[in-house]
């Protein structure tokens, strides 16, 4: 194992808060002295099927612990996901079915190993210890925390003051997440800054059950490609780790310049001294922001698709966006008679049916923004109808193309 000081330097990269840091240092000293690795815990609720770069901020931190020789367990919250984390919610979540959770969990298992080392990762489901609890044990668990303290939580407090409903079962979410730490006897639990209440619950319950409390390590919530709101699929500002190399590269190139160093630090594996050199070079003007962003895009694509795919994505980006050429491969869309009316098709409908947009309302917005071209001609009227011709090229946004067949 590395020395405690060296481990701490690596562990603290990008971290917002460690509660309490002195206990982490003591745990590391004991680990180095005994040769027994720390047990690191991360819980993920598979409430949606896809993982994006925002989720990988904490996954990269887990990977760092793995490389330092510590033991990691990923809890896929098949049980807690049926309630849904109330963190940041202004209303009660709609419960997921067991089938939905298990389908999402399968995709999580596949995607997390694009960051984590499968040989050093244990994956388990928290239904393993939560489902067998009988009602007496549930009451005993609930008795270890007060309603007053539960209502100190920001989202609960806000909803209570505004007269918004809070279901009793929502109080059980942090209790169940905390009980996960008891079941695993975790030394360290990782999460985003929005998870502080839940992580500290683990410390509280471990004490109540006679265990040494875990250390809570919190990572920042990364902004999405808009540079303002947190990365979220629902906001459309995300970069999915299962997306194609070209899409991933192009989306990275769209982030604001001021986010580049933050992305290098939090979602790449570039050594911290190189990240610091990039930051210094940008501040001095020695490095051009465009070149730095292309470096960032290569780094991100390489993690999930390999270096060759990253270089091909970069060549494609240069050809399409710097030299204004068409992509080498454009998907085709077959026009069928049932979508035509007097030989014409409503443009938003065509954009939706061809998967250039997720809905006709999104298509209308893109058209109004002037972000849709048909054979190079820009359209801005969302009521526009066109006469489709085989070979016609339709472009939506900066990176999406189809060719009509």
Protein backbone atom coordinates (compact mmCIF):
# COMPACT_ATOMS: atom_id res chain seq x y z
CA UNK A 1 0.00 0.00 0.00
CA UNK A 2 1.02 3.59 -0.57
CA UNK A 3 1.71 5.81 2.44
CA UNK A 4 -1.24 7.46 4.14
CA UNK A 5 -0.18 10.90 2.89
CA UNK A 6 0.02 9.69 -0.72
CA UNK A 7 -3.30 7.85 -0.46
CA UNK A 8 -4.95 10.94 1.02
CA UNK A 9 -3.64 13.11 -1.82
CA UNK A 10 -5.26 10.78 -4.38
CA UNK A 11 -8.47 10.32 -2.41
CA UNK A 12 -9.01 14.07 -1.95
CA UNK A 13 -8.89 14.80 -5.69
CA UNK A 14 -12.10 16.63 -6.56
CA UNK A 15 -13.71 15.86 -3.19
CA UNK A 16 -16.02 18.48 -1.66
CA UNK A 17 -16.22 17.18 1.90
CA UNK A 18 -15.00 14.30 4.08
CA UNK A 19 -16.92 13.77 7.34
CA UNK A 20 -14.82 13.53 9.40
CA UNK A 21 -11.41 13.66 7.69
CA UNK A 22 -9.49 12.77 10.86
CA UNK A 23 -11.39 9.47 11.08
CA UNK A 24 -10.48 8.65 7.48
CA UNK A 25 -6.82 9.33 8.27
CA UNK A 26 -7.04 7.03 11.32
CA UNK A 27 -8.67 4.29 9.25
CA UNK A 28 -5.96 4.60 6.58
CA UNK A 29 -3.19 4.39 9.20
CA UNK A 30 -4.75 1.22 10.62
CA UNK A 31 -5.13 -0.23 7.12
CA UNK A 32 -1.47 0.42 6.25
CA UNK A 33 -0.32 -1.01 9.58
CA UNK A 34 -2.43 -4.19 9.42
CA UNK A 35 -2.48 -4.68 5.66
CA UNK A 36 -6.29 -4.97 5.82
CA UNK A 37 -7.99 -2.88 3.12
CA UNK A 38 -10.84 -0.51 3.92
CA UNK A 39 -14.34 -1.51 2.87
CA UNK A 40 -15.68 1.15 0.48
CA UNK A 41 -19.42 1.36 -0.21
CA UNK A 42 -21.36 3.02 -3.02
CA UNK A 43 -25.10 2.64 -3.41
CA UNK A 44 -26.79 3.11 -6.78
CA UNK A 45 -30.55 3.04 -7.22
CA UNK A 46 -31.36 1.76 -10.73
CA UNK A 47 -34.29 4.17 -11.22
CA UNK A 48 -33.38 4.82 -14.89
CA UNK A 49 -31.69 2.59 -17.48
CA UNK A 50 -28.75 4.78 -18.47
CA UNK A 51 -25.64 6.08 -16.74
CA UNK A 52 -24.19 9.44 -17.81
CA UNK A 53 -20.95 11.27 -17.01
CA UNK A 54 -22.55 12.84 -13.94
CA UNK A 55 -22.87 9.40 -12.39
CA UNK A 56 -19.24 8.56 -13.18
CA UNK A 57 -17.85 11.32 -10.92
CA UNK A 58 -18.30 9.07 -7.90
CA UNK A 59 -17.49 5.91 -9.90
CA UNK A 60 -14.04 7.32 -10.75
CA UNK A 61 -13.49 7.93 -7.04
CA UNK A 62 -14.40 4.30 -6.32
CA UNK A 63 -11.88 3.25 -9.00
CA UNK A 64 -9.19 5.29 -7.24
CA UNK A 65 -9.90 3.45 -3.99
CA UNK A 66 -9.64 0.16 -5.90
CA UNK A 67 -6.26 1.13 -7.33
CA UNK A 68 -5.10 1.98 -3.79
CA UNK A 69 -5.87 -1.62 -2.81
CA UNK A 70 -9.13 -1.17 -0.94
CA UNK A 71 -12.21 -3.39 -1.12
CA UNK A 72 -15.28 -2.00 -2.84
CA UNK A 73 -18.93 -3.04 -2.81
CA UNK A 74 -21.51 -1.57 -5.15
CA UNK A 75 -25.04 -1.88 -3.82
CA UNK A 76 -27.67 -1.91 -6.52
CA UNK A 77 -30.68 -0.68 -4.58
CA UNK A 78 -33.34 -2.95 -6.00
CA UNK A 79 -35.26 -2.55 -2.72
CA UNK A 80 -34.71 1.18 -2.10
CA UNK A 81 -35.41 2.01 -5.77
CA UNK A 82 -38.98 0.87 -5.30
CA UNK A 83 -39.44 3.82 -2.94
CA UNK A 84 -37.12 6.24 -4.71
CA UNK A 85 -34.70 8.65 -3.06
CA UNK A 86 -36.66 11.73 -1.86
CA UNK A 87 -33.48 13.86 -2.11
CA UNK A 88 -34.22 17.07 -3.97
CA UNK A 89 -37.80 16.06 -4.66
CA UNK A 90 -40.72 18.44 -4.28
CA UNK A 91 -43.21 15.59 -4.37
CA UNK A 92 -43.44 11.87 -3.67
CA UNK A 93 -41.87 9.70 -6.35
CA UNK A 94 -44.00 7.26 -8.28
CA UNK A 95 -42.93 3.77 -7.18
CA UNK A 96 -41.20 1.53 -9.72
CA UNK A 97 -42.21 -2.08 -10.21
CA UNK A 98 -39.81 -4.86 -9.34
CA UNK A 99 -39.56 -5.69 -13.06
CA UNK A 100 -38.59 -2.11 -14.00
CA UNK A 101 -35.92 -2.03 -11.29
CA UNK A 102 -34.38 -5.36 -12.33
CA UNK A 103 -34.25 -4.37 -16.01
CA UNK A 104 -32.48 -1.12 -15.09
CA UNK A 105 -30.15 -2.97 -12.72
CA UNK A 106 -28.94 -5.23 -15.53
CA UNK A 107 -27.89 -2.22 -17.62
CA UNK A 108 -26.16 -0.68 -14.57
CA UNK A 109 -24.14 -3.86 -14.03
CA UNK A 110 -22.91 -3.66 -17.61
CA UNK A 111 -22.20 0.07 -17.67
CA UNK A 112 -20.37 0.54 -14.34
CA UNK A 113 -17.57 -1.78 -15.47
CA UNK A 114 -16.63 0.78 -18.10
CA UNK A 115 -15.14 2.64 -15.11
CA UNK A 116 -14.64 0.09 -12.33
CA UNK A 117 -12.32 -2.92 -12.22
CA UNK A 118 -14.63 -5.99 -12.31
CA UNK A 119 -12.02 -8.12 -10.54
CA UNK A 120 -12.02 -5.73 -7.57
CA UNK A 121 -15.75 -5.03 -7.41
CA UNK A 122 -18.45 -6.86 -5.48
CA UNK A 123 -22.00 -6.17 -6.63
CA UNK A 124 -24.90 -6.95 -4.35
CA UNK A 125 -28.59 -6.09 -4.05
CA UNK A 126 -29.92 -4.55 -0.85
CA UNK A 127 -33.05 -6.67 -0.98
CA UNK A 128 -30.71 -9.40 0.30
CA UNK A 129 -30.91 -7.95 3.84
CA UNK A 130 -33.83 -5.51 3.65
CA UNK A 131 -36.49 -7.89 2.30
CA UNK A 132 -36.12 -10.45 5.16
CA UNK A 133 -36.65 -7.83 7.92
CA UNK A 134 -39.80 -8.60 9.88
CA UNK A 135 -42.14 -5.91 11.20
CA UNK A 136 -40.59 -5.98 14.67
CA UNK A 137 -37.16 -5.32 13.17
CA UNK A 138 -38.54 -2.51 11.01
CA UNK A 139 -40.04 -0.86 14.10
CA UNK A 140 -36.73 -1.26 15.92
CA UNK A 141 -34.96 0.41 12.98
CA UNK A 142 -37.48 3.28 12.87
CA UNK A 143 -37.07 3.82 16.65
CA UNK A 144 -33.42 4.77 16.14
CA UNK A 145 -34.26 8.16 14.55
CA UNK A 146 -36.77 10.90 15.36
CA UNK A 147 -39.31 12.63 13.12
CA UNK A 148 -37.94 16.00 14.27
CA UNK A 149 -34.48 15.16 12.99
CA UNK A 150 -35.92 13.71 9.79
CA UNK A 151 -37.73 17.01 9.16
CA UNK A 152 -34.42 18.88 9.46
CA UNK A 153 -33.63 17.48 6.03
CA UNK A 154 -33.92 20.33 3.50
CA UNK A 155 -36.34 18.71 1.07
CA UNK A 156 -38.62 17.36 3.81
CA UNK A 157 -38.53 20.68 5.68
CA UNK A 158 -39.45 22.63 2.56
CA UNK A 159 -42.32 20.31 1.66
CA UNK A 160 -43.62 20.38 5.25
CA UNK A 161 -43.60 24.21 5.37
CA UNK A 162 -45.35 24.43 2.00
CA UNK A 163 -47.99 21.93 3.02
CA UNK A 164 -46.85 19.42 0.39
CA UNK A 165 -47.53 15.73 1.14
CA UNK A 166 -44.79 13.62 2.68
CA UNK A 167 -45.57 9.92 2.73
CA UNK A 168 -44.43 7.98 5.79
CA UNK A 169 -42.60 5.46 3.61
CA UNK A 170 -40.28 8.24 2.37
CA UNK A 171 -38.83 8.50 5.89
CA UNK A 172 -37.70 4.91 5.48
CA UNK A 173 -35.47 5.67 2.51
CA UNK A 174 -32.56 7.20 4.47
CA UNK A 175 -33.06 4.57 7.19
CA UNK A 176 -32.72 1.79 4.62
CA UNK A 177 -29.67 3.36 3.00
CA UNK A 178 -28.13 3.73 6.44
CA UNK A 179 -28.97 0.12 7.25
CA UNK A 180 -27.07 -0.91 4.09
CA UNK A 181 -23.92 0.40 5.80
CA UNK A 182 -24.72 -1.65 8.89
CA UNK A 183 -25.22 -4.80 6.81
CA UNK A 184 -21.89 -4.29 5.02
CA UNK A 185 -19.97 -2.84 8.00
CA UNK A 186 -18.68 -0.18 5.62
CA UNK A 187 -15.62 1.92 6.47
CA UNK A 188 -16.29 4.62 3.89
CA UNK A 189 -19.44 5.51 1.94
CA UNK A 190 -19.29 7.65 -1.19
CA UNK A 191 -21.97 9.86 -2.70
CA UNK A 192 -22.74 13.24 -4.19
CA UNK A 193 -23.09 16.35 -2.04
CA UNK A 194 -26.86 15.92 -2.29
CA UNK A 195 -26.50 12.61 -0.43
CA UNK A 196 -25.04 14.07 2.77
CA UNK A 197 -28.12 13.37 4.91
CA UNK A 198 -28.29 9.75 3.73
CA UNK A 199 -24.55 9.17 4.20
CA UNK A 200 -24.60 10.59 7.72
CA UNK A 201 -27.57 8.34 8.50
CA UNK A 202 -25.22 5.42 7.91
CA UNK A 203 -22.86 6.78 10.59
CA UNK A 204 -25.76 7.20 13.02
CA UNK A 205 -27.14 3.70 12.54
CA UNK A 206 -23.73 2.03 12.69
CA UNK A 207 -23.21 3.59 16.13
CA UNK A 208 -26.69 2.44 17.18
CA UNK A 209 -25.83 -1.12 16.13
CA UNK A 210 -22.47 -1.06 17.93
CA UNK A 211 -20.24 -0.62 14.88
CA UNK A 212 -17.45 1.85 14.16
CA UNK A 213 -19.10 4.61 12.10
CA UNK A 214 -18.22 4.99 8.44
CA UNK A 215 -16.62 8.08 6.94
CA UNK A 216 -18.85 10.01 4.51
CA UNK A 217 -17.03 11.20 1.39
CA UNK A 218 -18.94 13.58 -0.88
CA UNK A 219 -18.25 14.39 -4.51
CA UNK A 220 -19.56 17.43 -6.42
CA UNK A 221 -22.61 17.37 -8.67
CA UNK A 222 -21.28 18.12 -12.13
CA UNK A 223 -22.98 20.57 -14.46
CA UNK A 224 -24.28 19.35 -17.79
CA UNK A 225 -23.36 20.52 -21.27
CA UNK A 226 -25.37 23.72 -20.75
CA UNK A 227 -22.91 24.69 -18.00
CA UNK A 228 -25.73 25.71 -15.65
CA UNK A 229 -27.91 22.88 -14.38
CA UNK A 230 -26.73 19.53 -13.06
CA UNK A 231 -26.29 16.85 -15.70
CA UNK A 232 -29.61 15.13 -16.25
CA UNK A 233 -31.18 13.09 -18.98
CA UNK A 234 -34.53 14.81 -18.42
CA UNK A 235 -32.87 18.19 -19.06
CA UNK A 236 -31.15 16.95 -22.21
CA UNK A 237 -27.75 18.26 -21.04
CA UNK A 238 -26.15 14.87 -20.47
CA UNK A 239 -23.37 12.82 -22.05
CA UNK A 240 -24.30 9.14 -21.82
CA UNK A 241 -21.50 6.61 -21.41
CA UNK A 242 -23.26 4.23 -23.81
CA UNK A 243 -23.55 6.84 -26.56
CA UNK A 244 -21.60 6.50 -29.80
CA UNK A 245 -18.04 7.89 -29.94
CA UNK A 246 -19.11 10.64 -32.35
CA UNK A 247 -22.06 11.72 -30.23
CA UNK A 248 -19.96 11.67 -27.06
CA UNK A 249 -17.15 13.66 -28.70
CA UNK A 250 -19.54 16.22 -30.19
CA UNK A 251 -21.40 16.77 -26.93
CA UNK A 252 -18.12 17.28 -25.07
CA UNK A 253 -17.12 19.92 -27.60
CA UNK A 254 -20.32 21.81 -26.78
CA UNK A 255 -19.58 22.37 -23.07
CA UNK A 256 -18.63 25.91 -21.94
CA UNK A 257 -14.89 26.60 -21.80
CA UNK A 258 -15.01 27.34 -18.07
CA UNK A 259 -16.06 23.73 -17.35
CA UNK A 260 -13.13 22.05 -19.09
CA UNK A 261 -10.75 21.81 -16.13
CA UNK A 262 -13.59 20.62 -13.88
CA UNK A 263 -14.42 17.85 -16.37
CA UNK A 264 -10.75 16.85 -16.64
CA UNK A 265 -10.55 16.54 -12.86
CA UNK A 266 -13.85 14.75 -12.25
CA UNK A 267 -14.66 12.56 -15.27
CA UNK A 268 -11.25 11.60 -16.72
CA UNK A 269 -8.30 9.61 -15.42
CA UNK A 270 -5.71 12.23 -16.42
CA UNK A 271 -3.13 12.63 -13.59
CA UNK A 272 -3.80 15.64 -11.41
CA UNK A 273 -0.45 17.28 -12.18
CA UNK A 274 -1.36 17.24 -15.90
CA UNK A 275 -4.77 18.71 -15.10
CA UNK A 276 -3.04 21.50 -13.16
CA UNK A 277 -0.72 22.18 -16.12
CA UNK A 278 -3.75 22.48 -18.42
CA UNK A 279 -5.40 24.90 -15.99
CA UNK A 280 -2.24 27.02 -15.82
CA UNK A 281 -1.84 26.96 -19.62
CA UNK A 282 -5.42 28.15 -20.14
CA UNK A 283 -5.00 30.98 -17.64
CA UNK A 284 -1.74 32.16 -19.21
CA UNK A 285 -3.05 31.89 -22.77
CA UNK A 286 -0.39 29.35 -23.66
CA UNK A 287 -3.06 26.78 -24.49
CA UNK A 288 -5.95 27.46 -26.87
CA UNK A 289 -9.39 26.51 -25.41
CA UNK A 290 -10.36 24.70 -28.64
CA UNK A 291 -7.30 22.43 -28.46
CA UNK A 292 -7.85 21.75 -24.77
CA UNK A 293 -11.49 20.86 -25.37
CA UNK A 294 -10.51 18.44 -28.16
CA UNK A 295 -8.04 16.87 -25.72
CA UNK A 296 -10.86 16.53 -23.18
CA UNK A 297 -13.19 14.96 -25.76
CA UNK A 298 -10.48 12.43 -26.73
CA UNK A 299 -9.90 11.53 -23.08
CA UNK A 300 -13.59 10.95 -22.40
CA UNK A 301 -14.27 8.93 -25.55
CA UNK A 302 -11.11 6.84 -24.96
CA UNK A 303 -12.36 5.72 -21.53
CA UNK A 304 -15.56 4.22 -22.97
CA UNK A 305 -14.63 3.31 -26.55
CA UNK A 306 -10.82 3.17 -26.78
CA UNK A 307 -8.20 5.47 -28.31
CA UNK A 308 -8.80 4.44 -31.92
CA UNK A 309 -12.50 5.26 -31.69
CA UNK A 310 -11.63 8.60 -30.06
CA UNK A 311 -9.31 9.54 -32.93
CA UNK A 312 -11.93 8.54 -35.52
CA UNK A 313 -14.51 10.64 -33.68
CA UNK A 314 -12.12 13.59 -33.71
CA UNK A 315 -11.45 13.22 -37.46
CA UNK A 316 -15.20 13.05 -38.06
CA UNK A 317 -15.79 16.14 -35.93
CA UNK A 318 -13.15 18.12 -37.83
CA UNK A 319 -14.59 17.07 -41.16
CA UNK A 320 -18.21 17.87 -40.29
CA UNK A 321 -17.88 20.94 -38.07
CA UNK A 322 -14.59 22.56 -39.01
CA UNK A 323 -14.54 21.72 -42.71
CA UNK A 324 -18.37 21.65 -43.03
CA UNK A 325 -18.44 18.27 -44.78
CA UNK A 326 -21.07 15.58 -44.29
CA UNK A 327 -20.35 12.59 -42.04
CA UNK A 328 -19.01 9.49 -43.78
CA UNK A 329 -21.90 7.38 -42.48
CA UNK A 330 -25.41 8.82 -42.39
CA UNK A 331 -28.33 6.62 -41.27
CA UNK A 332 -31.15 6.23 -43.76
CA UNK A 333 -34.87 6.62 -43.20
CA UNK A 334 -37.43 5.01 -45.48
CA UNK A 335 -40.35 7.22 -46.44
CA UNK A 336 -43.63 5.28 -46.47
CA UNK A 337 -46.88 6.40 -48.07
CA UNK A 338 -48.80 6.35 -44.78
CA UNK A 339 -46.90 9.39 -43.45
CA UNK A 340 -47.51 11.46 -46.59
CA UNK A 341 -50.42 13.76 -47.26
CA UNK A 342 -50.76 14.85 -50.89
CA UNK A 343 -47.13 13.85 -51.34
CA UNK A 344 -45.94 16.08 -48.47
CA UNK A 345 -44.87 15.42 -44.88
CA UNK A 346 -45.00 17.76 -41.90
CA UNK A 347 -41.36 18.46 -41.03
CA UNK A 348 -41.68 18.04 -37.20
CA UNK A 349 -43.40 14.70 -37.79
CA UNK A 350 -40.55 13.56 -40.07
CA UNK A 351 -37.94 14.61 -37.51
CA UNK A 352 -39.75 12.63 -34.82
CA UNK A 353 -40.39 9.48 -36.88
CA UNK A 354 -36.77 9.38 -38.06
CA UNK A 355 -35.51 9.65 -34.45
CA UNK A 356 -33.79 12.97 -35.06
CA UNK A 357 -35.98 14.29 -32.24
CA UNK A 358 -37.69 12.53 -29.35
CA UNK A 359 -41.02 14.26 -30.00
CA UNK A 360 -42.73 16.63 -32.43
CA UNK A 361 -42.65 19.35 -29.75
CA UNK A 362 -38.85 19.06 -29.54
CA UNK A 363 -38.75 19.15 -33.35
CA UNK A 364 -40.85 22.34 -33.42
CA UNK A 365 -38.46 24.00 -30.96
CA UNK A 366 -35.42 23.05 -33.03
CA UNK A 367 -37.02 24.40 -36.19
CA UNK A 368 -37.93 27.68 -34.48
CA UNK A 369 -34.32 27.94 -33.29
CA UNK A 370 -33.12 27.61 -36.88
CA UNK A 371 -31.35 24.34 -36.08
CA UNK A 372 -32.93 22.23 -38.86
CA UNK A 373 -31.68 22.08 -42.44
CA UNK A 374 -33.00 20.15 -45.44
CA UNK A 375 -30.34 19.73 -48.13
CA UNK A 376 -28.54 22.70 -46.60
CA UNK A 377 -31.61 24.97 -46.50
CA UNK A 378 -32.58 26.23 -43.05
CA UNK A 379 -36.26 26.18 -42.05
CA UNK A 380 -37.70 28.24 -39.18
CA UNK A 381 -41.46 27.67 -39.61
CA UNK A 382 -42.66 24.72 -37.44
CA UNK A 383 -45.69 24.28 -39.71
CA UNK A 384 -43.39 23.60 -42.68
CA UNK A 385 -44.24 20.68 -44.96
CA UNK A 386 -41.72 19.28 -47.43
CA UNK A 387 -41.79 16.96 -50.43
CA UNK A 388 -39.45 14.09 -49.52
CA UNK A 389 -37.02 12.96 -52.22
CA UNK A 390 -34.69 9.93 -52.02
CA UNK A 391 -31.16 11.06 -51.15
CA UNK A 392 -32.36 14.21 -49.33
CA UNK A 393 -30.17 15.02 -46.30
CA UNK A 394 -31.87 16.34 -43.17
CA UNK A 395 -29.82 17.77 -40.32
CA UNK A 396 -31.17 18.48 -36.82
CA UNK A 397 -28.99 20.34 -34.35
CA UNK A 398 -25.23 20.15 -34.77
CA UNK A 399 -24.65 16.41 -34.94
CA UNK A 400 -27.71 14.51 -36.18
CA UNK A 401 -28.24 13.60 -39.83
CA UNK A 402 -30.48 11.28 -41.86
CA UNK A 403 -30.65 10.47 -45.53
CA UNK A 404 -34.08 9.76 -47.02
CA UNK A 405 -34.48 6.52 -48.96
